[in-house]
Amino acid sequence: MTPRIDDRLLDAPMVRVQCQRCGAEVLARKGSWEQTSVQWDASALAQCVERRSAGELPSHRQGLFLACSQLRNSIALAAQRGELRVLDE
């Protein structure tokens, strides 16, 4: 079976967003105000302050990092400014 081609990025490509705290750059796309897709690369993962801090917690499981609150705020601000399109508007 051939996988279905995901053409959602043709109409609304991911946009570079920089975290206002640490400067990590990710690719982001907002399907709605409630839904955000984020692609991290190795550089952004290494630069993220919250990710490094989470890795130092005793309860942190290797490889598990769910979200960065500062990056989430930076993405929301980019959407409010119109730098990142919100698709369901």
C-alpha atoms as a PDB file:
ATOM      1  CA  MET A   1       0.000   0.000   0.000  1.00  0.00           C
ATOM      2  CA  THR A   2       1.345   3.419  -0.931  1.00  0.00           C
ATOM      3  CA  PRO A   3       1.209   6.009   1.869  1.00  0.00           C
ATOM      4  CA  ARG A   4      -1.092   8.950   1.261  1.00  0.00           C
ATOM      5  CA  ILE A   5       0.799  12.147   0.464  1.00  0.00           C
ATOM      6  CA  ASP A   6       0.246  14.810   3.112  1.00  0.00           C
ATOM      7  CA  ASP A   7      -0.459  17.960   1.117  1.00  0.00           C
ATOM      8  CA  ARG A   8      -1.446  20.189   4.048  1.00  0.00           C
ATOM      9  CA  LEU A   9       1.946  21.908   3.976  1.00  0.00           C
ATOM     10  CA  LEU A  10       1.470  22.999   0.362  1.00  0.00           C
ATOM     11  CA  ASP A  11      -1.216  25.546   1.321  1.00  0.00           C
ATOM     12  CA  ALA A  12       0.277  26.507   4.668  1.00  0.00           C
ATOM     13  CA  PRO A  13       3.976  25.732   5.034  1.00  0.00           C
ATOM     14  CA  MET A  14       5.670  25.681   8.399  1.00  0.00           C
ATOM     15  CA  VAL A  15       7.228  28.980   9.473  1.00  0.00           C
ATOM     16  CA  ARG A  16      10.415  29.632  11.471  1.00  0.00           C
ATOM     17  CA  VAL A  17       9.678  30.905  14.973  1.00  0.00           C
ATOM     18  CA  GLN A  18      12.360  31.928  17.450  1.00  0.00           C
ATOM     19  CA  CYS A  19      11.961  31.492  21.202  1.00  0.00           C
ATOM     20  CA  GLN A  20      12.161  34.864  22.903  1.00  0.00           C
ATOM     21  CA  ARG A  21      13.942  33.361  25.900  1.00  0.00           C
ATOM     22  CA  CYS A  22      16.745  31.246  24.469  1.00  0.00           C
ATOM     23  CA  GLY A  23      16.684  31.989  20.738  1.00  0.00           C
ATOM     24  CA  ALA A  24      16.027  28.395  19.670  1.00  0.00           C
ATOM     25  CA  GLU A  25      14.423  28.328  16.218  1.00  0.00           C
ATOM     26  CA  VAL A  26      11.772  25.774  15.294  1.00  0.00           C
ATOM     27  CA  LEU A  27       9.351  25.318  12.428  1.00  0.00           C
ATOM     28  CA  ALA A  28       5.737  25.877  13.457  1.00  0.00           C
ATOM     29  CA  ARG A  29       2.277  25.687  11.917  1.00  0.00           C
ATOM     30  CA  LYS A  30      -1.031  26.576  13.575  1.00  0.00           C
ATOM     31  CA  GLY A  31      -4.081  24.677  12.380  1.00  0.00           C
ATOM     32  CA  SER A  32      -6.170  26.590  14.917  1.00  0.00           C
ATOM     33  CA  TRP A  33      -5.588  28.616  18.076  1.00  0.00           C
ATOM     34  CA  GLU A  34      -5.740  25.334  20.001  1.00  0.00           C
ATOM     35  CA  GLN A  35      -3.576  23.214  17.642  1.00  0.00           C
ATOM     36  CA  THR A  36       0.098  23.808  16.920  1.00  0.00           C
ATOM     37  CA  SER A  37       2.582  21.611  15.076  1.00  0.00           C
ATOM     38  CA  VAL A  38       6.255  22.104  15.912  1.00  0.00           C
ATOM     39  CA  GLN A  39       9.337  20.591  14.303  1.00  0.00           C
ATOM     40  CA  TRP A  40      12.514  20.718  16.358  1.00  0.00           C
ATOM     41  CA  ASP A  41      15.976  20.193  14.952  1.00  0.00           C
ATOM     42  CA  ALA A  42      19.092  19.174  16.874  1.00  0.00           C
ATOM     43  CA  SER A  43      20.266  22.767  17.250  1.00  0.00           C
ATOM     44  CA  ALA A  44      16.961  23.959  18.754  1.00  0.00           C
ATOM     45  CA  LEU A  45      16.823  20.980  21.109  1.00  0.00           C
ATOM     46  CA  ALA A  46      20.339  21.724  22.344  1.00  0.00           C
ATOM     47  CA  GLN A  47      19.604  25.427  22.789  1.00  0.00           C
ATOM     48  CA  CYS A  48      16.270  25.133  24.657  1.00  0.00           C
ATOM     49  CA  VAL A  49      16.742  26.105  28.307  1.00  0.00           C
ATOM     50  CA  GLU A  50      13.564  24.350  29.506  1.00  0.00           C
ATOM     51  CA  ARG A  51      14.557  21.127  27.775  1.00  0.00           C
ATOM     52  CA  ARG A  52      17.962  21.122  29.440  1.00  0.00           C
ATOM     53  CA  SER A  53      16.360  21.859  32.815  1.00  0.00           C
ATOM     54  CA  ALA A  54      13.832  19.040  32.348  1.00  0.00           C
ATOM     55  CA  GLY A  55      16.654  16.613  31.613  1.00  0.00           C
ATOM     56  CA  GLU A  56      18.178  17.372  34.990  1.00  0.00           C
ATOM     57  CA  LEU A  57      15.043  16.399  36.939  1.00  0.00           C
ATOM     58  CA  PRO A  58      15.260  12.986  38.678  1.00  0.00           C
ATOM     59  CA  SER A  59      11.845  11.966  37.318  1.00  0.00           C
ATOM     60  CA  HIS A  60      12.748  12.827  33.700  1.00  0.00           C
ATOM     61  CA  ARG A  61      12.733   9.855  31.358  1.00  0.00           C
ATOM     62  CA  GLN A  62      15.338   9.937  28.608  1.00  0.00           C
ATOM     63  CA  GLY A  63      13.862  11.147  25.317  1.00  0.00           C
ATOM     64  CA  LEU A  64      10.628  12.516  26.804  1.00  0.00           C
ATOM     65  CA  PHE A  65      10.168  16.263  26.393  1.00  0.00           C
ATOM     66  CA  LEU A  66       6.603  17.423  25.839  1.00  0.00           C
ATOM     67  CA  ALA A  67       6.723  21.200  25.538  1.00  0.00           C
ATOM     68  CA  CYS A  68       8.538  24.432  26.283  1.00  0.00           C
ATOM     69  CA  SER A  69       6.306  27.093  27.826  1.00  0.00           C
ATOM     70  CA  GLN A  70       8.503  29.954  26.597  1.00  0.00           C
ATOM     71  CA  LEU A  71       8.447  28.652  23.027  1.00  0.00           C
ATOM     72  CA  ARG A  72       4.673  28.177  23.270  1.00  0.00           C
ATOM     73  CA  ASN A  73       4.383  31.849  24.255  1.00  0.00           C
ATOM     74  CA  SER A  74       6.668  32.902  21.389  1.00  0.00           C
ATOM     75  CA  ILE A  75       4.546  30.942  18.890  1.00  0.00           C
ATOM     76  CA  ALA A  76       1.329  32.489  20.248  1.00  0.00           C
ATOM     77  CA  LEU A  77       2.855  35.964  19.956  1.00  0.00           C
ATOM     78  CA  ALA A  78       3.936  35.269  16.356  1.00  0.00           C
ATOM     79  CA  ALA A  79       0.350  34.229  15.564  1.00  0.00           C
ATOM     80  CA  GLN A  80      -1.101  37.330  17.248  1.00  0.00           C
ATOM     81  CA  ARG A  81       1.266  39.542  15.236  1.00  0.00           C
ATOM     82  CA  GLY A  82       0.269  37.814  11.989  1.00  0.00           C
ATOM     83  CA  GLU A  83       3.755  36.344  11.456  1.00  0.00           C
ATOM     84  CA  LEU A  84       2.320  32.820  11.778  1.00  0.00           C
ATOM     85  CA  ARG A  85      -0.986  32.217  10.031  1.00  0.00           C
ATOM     86  CA  VAL A  86      -3.769  30.511  12.000  1.00  0.00           C
ATOM     87  CA  LEU A  87      -5.513  28.328   9.433  1.00  0.00           C
ATOM     88  CA  ASP A  88      -9.035  28.062  10.855  1.00  0.00           C
ATOM     89  CA  GLU A  89      -9.637  31.822  10.931  1.00  0.00           C
END
